[in-house]
């Protein structure tokens, strides 16, 4: 089965999917992650453990979706992917940063290490 076929099979369910989990899957890449971030508005759990073809592109797609509130806000409780190895330990908040002009950004704050933050410009 190809990644494209998997997406075509799931497409009719995008409007109702609430949870997706894959582990050690070489098939899943950023193409899949970005499509899910853009289309699955009710998603609350998205877990990709050891899916080596997932990169920061997928994480940013979900961050953008959180800021634009295209997906369930409870997803921020379950941010879990290879880039966020601690699992659901991040609080996501959409902000506007003035860097000579207003720029939308996403602030990820670690619940355990409060001094650890990630700022992503959108």
N, C-alpha and C. Protein backbone atom coordinates (compact mmCIF):
# COMPACT_ATOMS: atom_id res chain seq x y z
N UNK A 1 0.86 -1.18 0.00
CA UNK A 1 0.00 0.00 0.00
C UNK A 1 0.89 1.23 0.00
N UNK A 2 0.53 2.22 -0.80
CA UNK A 2 1.30 3.46 -0.85
C UNK A 2 0.67 4.51 0.07
N UNK A 3 1.44 5.53 0.35
CA UNK A 3 0.95 6.63 1.18
C UNK A 3 -0.24 7.33 0.50
N UNK A 4 -0.16 7.51 -0.80
CA UNK A 4 -1.25 8.14 -1.55
C UNK A 4 -2.54 7.33 -1.46
N UNK A 5 -2.41 6.00 -1.56
CA UNK A 5 -3.59 5.15 -1.45
C UNK A 5 -4.18 5.24 -0.04
N UNK A 6 -3.33 5.25 0.98
CA UNK A 6 -3.81 5.39 2.34
C UNK A 6 -4.58 6.70 2.53
N UNK A 7 -4.07 7.78 1.98
CA UNK A 7 -4.77 9.07 2.07
C UNK A 7 -6.12 9.01 1.35
N UNK A 8 -6.15 8.37 0.17
CA UNK A 8 -7.42 8.25 -0.56
C UNK A 8 -8.43 7.42 0.21
N UNK A 9 -7.97 6.38 0.88
CA UNK A 9 -8.87 5.54 1.68
C UNK A 9 -9.42 6.33 2.86
N UNK A 10 -8.58 7.15 3.49
CA UNK A 10 -9.01 7.91 4.66
C UNK A 10 -9.82 9.17 4.33
N UNK A 11 -9.70 9.68 3.12
CA UNK A 11 -10.34 10.95 2.76
C UNK A 11 -11.82 11.03 3.13
N UNK A 12 -12.64 10.02 2.87
CA UNK A 12 -14.06 10.13 3.26
C UNK A 12 -14.27 10.29 4.77
N UNK A 13 -13.28 9.92 5.57
CA UNK A 13 -13.41 9.99 7.03
C UNK A 13 -12.76 11.23 7.63
N UNK A 14 -12.12 12.06 6.83
CA UNK A 14 -11.40 13.23 7.36
C UNK A 14 -12.27 14.08 8.27
N UNK A 15 -13.53 14.25 7.92
CA UNK A 15 -14.41 15.13 8.70
C UNK A 15 -14.75 14.57 10.08
N UNK A 16 -14.52 13.25 10.27
CA UNK A 16 -14.91 12.64 11.55
C UNK A 16 -13.75 12.00 12.32
N UNK A 17 -12.57 11.95 11.74
CA UNK A 17 -11.44 11.31 12.43
C UNK A 17 -11.08 12.08 13.70
N UNK A 18 -10.93 11.36 14.80
CA UNK A 18 -10.55 11.96 16.08
C UNK A 18 -9.20 11.47 16.56
N UNK A 19 -8.72 10.33 16.06
CA UNK A 19 -7.47 9.76 16.56
C UNK A 19 -6.77 8.98 15.45
N UNK A 20 -5.45 9.20 15.33
CA UNK A 20 -4.62 8.46 14.38
C UNK A 20 -3.32 8.11 15.10
N UNK A 21 -2.90 6.86 15.01
CA UNK A 21 -1.64 6.43 15.60
C UNK A 21 -0.91 5.51 14.63
N UNK A 22 0.37 5.81 14.40
CA UNK A 22 1.24 4.94 13.62
C UNK A 22 2.55 4.79 14.38
N UNK A 23 3.10 3.57 14.34
CA UNK A 23 4.38 3.29 14.99
C UNK A 23 5.27 2.53 14.02
N UNK A 24 6.53 2.98 13.94
CA UNK A 24 7.53 2.32 13.08
C UNK A 24 7.02 2.11 11.66
N UNK A 25 6.46 3.13 11.07
CA UNK A 25 5.89 3.01 9.74
C UNK A 25 6.74 3.80 8.74
N UNK A 26 7.36 3.10 7.82
CA UNK A 26 8.20 3.74 6.80
C UNK A 26 7.35 4.38 5.68
N UNK A 27 6.09 4.05 5.63
CA UNK A 27 5.18 4.56 4.61
C UNK A 27 4.81 6.02 4.86
N UNK A 28 4.65 6.39 6.12
CA UNK A 28 4.14 7.70 6.51
C UNK A 28 5.24 8.76 6.38
N UNK A 29 4.90 9.86 5.68
CA UNK A 29 5.85 10.97 5.52
C UNK A 29 5.13 12.29 5.78
N UNK A 30 5.83 13.38 5.53
CA UNK A 30 5.24 14.70 5.72
C UNK A 30 4.02 14.93 4.82
N UNK A 31 3.99 14.28 3.68
CA UNK A 31 2.81 14.40 2.80
C UNK A 31 1.55 13.98 3.58
N UNK A 32 1.63 12.88 4.28
CA UNK A 32 0.52 12.39 5.09
C UNK A 32 0.25 13.34 6.25
N UNK A 33 1.29 13.73 6.98
CA UNK A 33 1.12 14.60 8.14
C UNK A 33 0.49 15.94 7.80
N UNK A 34 0.94 16.56 6.71
CA UNK A 34 0.39 17.86 6.30
C UNK A 34 -1.06 17.71 5.86
N UNK A 35 -1.37 16.66 5.13
CA UNK A 35 -2.76 16.44 4.69
C UNK A 35 -3.68 16.27 5.90
N UNK A 36 -3.24 15.51 6.89
CA UNK A 36 -4.06 15.31 8.09
C UNK A 36 -4.23 16.63 8.85
N UNK A 37 -3.16 17.40 8.99
CA UNK A 37 -3.22 18.69 9.69
C UNK A 37 -4.21 19.64 9.01
N UNK A 38 -4.24 19.63 7.69
CA UNK A 38 -5.10 20.55 6.95
C UNK A 38 -6.56 20.10 6.90
N UNK A 39 -6.80 18.80 6.91
CA UNK A 39 -8.15 18.30 6.61
C UNK A 39 -8.92 17.70 7.78
N UNK A 40 -8.23 17.27 8.82
CA UNK A 40 -8.92 16.57 9.92
C UNK A 40 -9.20 17.53 11.07
N UNK A 41 -10.31 18.24 10.97
CA UNK A 41 -10.65 19.31 11.90
C UNK A 41 -11.07 18.83 13.28
N UNK A 42 -11.46 17.58 13.42
CA UNK A 42 -11.91 17.05 14.72
C UNK A 42 -10.81 16.24 15.42
N UNK A 43 -9.64 16.18 14.81
CA UNK A 43 -8.56 15.35 15.34
C UNK A 43 -8.14 15.81 16.73
N UNK A 44 -8.09 14.87 17.67
CA UNK A 44 -7.64 15.16 19.03
C UNK A 44 -6.35 14.44 19.37
N UNK A 45 -6.07 13.30 18.74
CA UNK A 45 -4.85 12.54 19.00
C UNK A 45 -4.19 12.23 17.66
N UNK A 46 -2.93 12.63 17.54
CA UNK A 46 -2.14 12.30 16.34
C UNK A 46 -0.77 11.88 16.83
N UNK A 47 -0.51 10.58 16.81
CA UNK A 47 0.73 10.05 17.37
C UNK A 47 1.50 9.32 16.27
N UNK A 48 2.73 9.76 16.05
CA UNK A 48 3.61 9.11 15.09
C UNK A 48 4.90 8.75 15.82
N UNK A 49 5.01 7.51 16.24
CA UNK A 49 6.20 7.05 16.95
C UNK A 49 7.14 6.35 15.99
N UNK A 50 8.37 6.84 15.93
CA UNK A 50 9.42 6.23 15.11
C UNK A 50 9.06 6.14 13.63
N UNK A 51 8.32 7.10 13.14
CA UNK A 51 8.05 7.21 11.70
C UNK A 51 9.13 8.12 11.14
N UNK A 52 10.18 7.54 10.61
CA UNK A 52 11.40 8.26 10.27
C UNK A 52 11.27 9.27 9.13
N UNK A 53 10.21 9.19 8.35
CA UNK A 53 10.04 10.13 7.24
C UNK A 53 9.24 11.37 7.64
N UNK A 54 8.88 11.47 8.92
CA UNK A 54 8.21 12.64 9.44
C UNK A 54 9.28 13.63 9.91
N UNK A 55 9.13 14.89 9.48
CA UNK A 55 10.12 15.92 9.83
C UNK A 55 9.40 17.10 10.48
N UNK A 56 10.12 18.18 10.64
CA UNK A 56 9.56 19.40 11.20
C UNK A 56 8.41 19.95 10.35
N UNK A 57 8.35 19.60 9.09
CA UNK A 57 7.27 20.07 8.22
C UNK A 57 5.91 19.67 8.80
N UNK A 58 5.77 18.44 9.25
CA UNK A 58 4.52 17.98 9.84
C UNK A 58 4.22 18.73 11.13
N UNK A 59 5.23 18.90 11.98
CA UNK A 59 5.03 19.63 13.23
C UNK A 59 4.56 21.05 12.97
N UNK A 60 5.16 21.73 12.00
CA UNK A 60 4.76 23.10 11.67
C UNK A 60 3.34 23.12 11.11
N UNK A 61 2.97 22.14 10.30
CA UNK A 61 1.60 22.08 9.75
C UNK A 61 0.57 21.99 10.87
N UNK A 62 0.87 21.18 11.90
CA UNK A 62 -0.05 21.09 13.03
C UNK A 62 -0.04 22.36 13.86
N UNK A 63 1.10 22.99 13.99
CA UNK A 63 1.17 24.26 14.71
C UNK A 63 0.33 25.32 14.00
N UNK A 64 0.45 25.40 12.69
CA UNK A 64 -0.35 26.35 11.92
C UNK A 64 -1.84 26.05 12.09
N UNK A 65 -2.20 24.77 12.06
CA UNK A 65 -3.61 24.40 12.21
C UNK A 65 -4.12 24.78 13.60
N UNK A 66 -3.29 24.63 14.63
CA UNK A 66 -3.69 25.05 15.97
C UNK A 66 -3.95 26.54 16.03
N UNK A 67 -3.04 27.31 15.45
CA UNK A 67 -3.19 28.77 15.47
C UNK A 67 -4.43 29.20 14.70
N UNK A 68 -4.67 28.56 13.58
CA UNK A 68 -5.82 28.92 12.75
C UNK A 68 -7.09 28.23 13.22
N UNK A 69 -6.98 27.44 14.28
CA UNK A 69 -8.09 26.72 14.89
C UNK A 69 -8.87 25.90 13.88
N UNK A 70 -8.11 25.26 12.98
CA UNK A 70 -8.74 24.37 12.01
C UNK A 70 -8.96 23.00 12.60
N UNK A 71 -8.30 22.72 13.73
CA UNK A 71 -8.45 21.41 14.36
C UNK A 71 -8.79 21.61 15.82
N UNK A 72 -9.17 20.54 16.47
CA UNK A 72 -9.58 20.59 17.87
C UNK A 72 -8.48 21.15 18.75
N UNK A 73 -8.78 22.15 19.59
CA UNK A 73 -7.75 22.72 20.46
C UNK A 73 -7.20 21.73 21.48
N UNK A 74 -7.91 20.65 21.74
CA UNK A 74 -7.40 19.67 22.69
C UNK A 74 -6.20 18.90 22.13
N UNK A 75 -5.94 19.03 20.82
CA UNK A 75 -4.78 18.36 20.25
C UNK A 75 -3.50 18.83 20.92
N UNK A 76 -3.45 20.07 21.36
CA UNK A 76 -2.22 20.57 21.98
C UNK A 76 -1.85 19.76 23.22
N UNK A 77 -2.80 19.10 23.84
CA UNK A 77 -2.50 18.26 25.00
C UNK A 77 -1.81 16.97 24.59
N UNK A 78 -1.88 16.63 23.33
CA UNK A 78 -1.38 15.34 22.87
C UNK A 78 -0.31 15.45 21.80
N UNK A 79 0.34 16.61 21.72
CA UNK A 79 1.41 16.75 20.74
C UNK A 79 2.44 15.66 21.00
N UNK A 80 2.56 14.76 20.06
CA UNK A 80 3.48 13.65 20.24
C UNK A 80 3.98 13.20 18.87
N UNK A 81 5.24 13.45 18.62
CA UNK A 81 5.87 13.02 17.37
C UNK A 81 7.37 12.92 17.62
N UNK A 82 8.14 12.46 16.66
CA UNK A 82 9.57 12.30 16.90
C UNK A 82 10.28 13.60 17.31
N UNK A 83 9.75 14.74 16.91
CA UNK A 83 10.38 16.01 17.27
C UNK A 83 10.09 16.41 18.71
N UNK A 84 9.00 15.98 19.25
CA UNK A 84 8.62 16.29 20.63
C UNK A 84 8.65 15.00 21.42
N UNK A 85 9.85 14.53 21.72
CA UNK A 85 10.02 13.20 22.29
C UNK A 85 9.43 13.04 23.69
N UNK A 86 9.15 14.13 24.38
CA UNK A 86 8.57 14.00 25.72
C UNK A 86 7.08 13.74 25.65
N UNK A 87 6.51 13.76 24.44
CA UNK A 87 5.08 13.51 24.31
C UNK A 87 4.27 14.75 24.62
N UNK A 88 3.19 14.59 25.38
CA UNK A 88 2.27 15.72 25.61
C UNK A 88 2.77 16.66 26.70
N UNK A 89 3.91 17.28 26.48
CA UNK A 89 4.46 18.17 27.51
C UNK A 89 4.57 19.61 27.02
N UNK A 90 3.86 19.96 25.98
CA UNK A 90 3.95 21.31 25.41
C UNK A 90 2.58 22.00 25.45
N UNK A 91 2.60 23.27 25.76
CA UNK A 91 1.41 24.12 25.70
C UNK A 91 1.57 25.01 24.47
N UNK A 92 0.62 24.96 23.56
CA UNK A 92 0.68 25.75 22.33
C UNK A 92 -0.20 26.98 22.47
N UNK A 93 0.34 28.13 22.04
CA UNK A 93 -0.42 29.37 22.11
C UNK A 93 -0.09 30.22 20.88
N UNK A 94 -1.12 30.62 20.16
CA UNK A 94 -0.93 31.52 19.04
C UNK A 94 -0.67 32.93 19.54
N UNK A 95 0.34 33.59 18.99
CA UNK A 95 0.69 34.95 19.41
C UNK A 95 1.03 35.79 18.19
N UNK A 96 1.12 37.09 18.39
CA UNK A 96 1.60 38.01 17.36
C UNK A 96 2.86 38.66 17.91
N UNK A 97 3.94 38.57 17.15
CA UNK A 97 5.23 39.15 17.55
C UNK A 97 5.51 40.34 16.66
N UNK A 98 5.87 41.45 17.28
CA UNK A 98 6.21 42.64 16.49
C UNK A 98 7.71 42.65 16.27
N UNK A 99 8.12 42.46 15.02
CA UNK A 99 9.53 42.49 14.64
C UNK A 99 9.72 43.60 13.60
N UNK A 100 9.21 44.78 13.94
CA UNK A 100 9.17 45.89 13.00
C UNK A 100 7.84 45.90 12.26
N UNK A 101 7.17 44.78 12.28
CA UNK A 101 5.82 44.60 11.76
C UNK A 101 5.23 43.41 12.51
N UNK A 102 3.91 43.28 12.50
CA UNK A 102 3.27 42.18 13.21
C UNK A 102 3.44 40.88 12.43
N UNK A 103 3.85 39.85 13.14
CA UNK A 103 4.05 38.53 12.51
C UNK A 103 3.38 37.47 13.38
N UNK A 104 2.50 36.67 12.77
CA UNK A 104 1.87 35.57 13.50
C UNK A 104 2.93 34.54 13.86
N UNK A 105 2.79 33.98 15.04
CA UNK A 105 3.75 32.98 15.50
C UNK A 105 3.03 32.01 16.43
N UNK A 106 3.68 30.91 16.67
CA UNK A 106 3.19 29.93 17.62
C UNK A 106 4.25 29.77 18.69
N UNK A 107 3.84 29.88 19.93
CA UNK A 107 4.73 29.71 21.06
C UNK A 107 4.43 28.36 21.70
N UNK A 108 5.43 27.49 21.76
CA UNK A 108 5.31 26.21 22.45
C UNK A 108 6.11 26.32 23.74
N UNK A 109 5.44 26.14 24.86
CA UNK A 109 6.10 26.22 26.16
C UNK A 109 6.08 24.83 26.79
N UNK A 110 7.23 24.41 27.30
CA UNK A 110 7.33 23.11 27.93
C UNK A 110 6.72 23.17 29.32
N UNK A 111 5.81 22.24 29.63
CA UNK A 111 5.14 22.21 30.93
C UNK A 111 6.09 21.85 32.07
N UNK A 112 7.12 21.07 31.76
CA UNK A 112 8.05 20.61 32.78
C UNK A 112 9.18 21.62 32.98
N UNK A 113 9.81 22.00 31.90
CA UNK A 113 10.91 22.97 31.92
C UNK A 113 10.38 24.30 31.42
N UNK A 114 9.83 25.13 32.29
CA UNK A 114 9.16 26.36 31.90
C UNK A 114 10.06 27.33 31.14
N UNK A 115 11.38 27.20 31.31
CA UNK A 115 12.28 28.10 30.59
C UNK A 115 12.55 27.62 29.17
N UNK A 116 12.05 26.45 28.81
CA UNK A 116 12.22 25.91 27.47
C UNK A 116 11.02 26.28 26.61
N UNK A 117 11.26 27.09 25.60
CA UNK A 117 10.19 27.51 24.69
C UNK A 117 10.67 27.35 23.25
N UNK A 118 9.71 27.17 22.37
CA UNK A 118 9.98 27.12 20.93
C UNK A 118 9.07 28.16 20.30
N UNK A 119 9.63 29.04 19.49
CA UNK A 119 8.86 30.06 18.79
C UNK A 119 8.93 29.75 17.31
N UNK A 120 7.76 29.59 16.70
CA UNK A 120 7.67 29.27 15.28
C UNK A 120 6.94 30.40 14.59
N UNK A 121 7.60 31.05 13.64
CA UNK A 121 6.94 32.09 12.86
C UNK A 121 6.10 31.42 11.77
N UNK A 122 4.90 31.92 11.58
CA UNK A 122 3.99 31.35 10.59
C UNK A 122 3.87 32.26 9.39
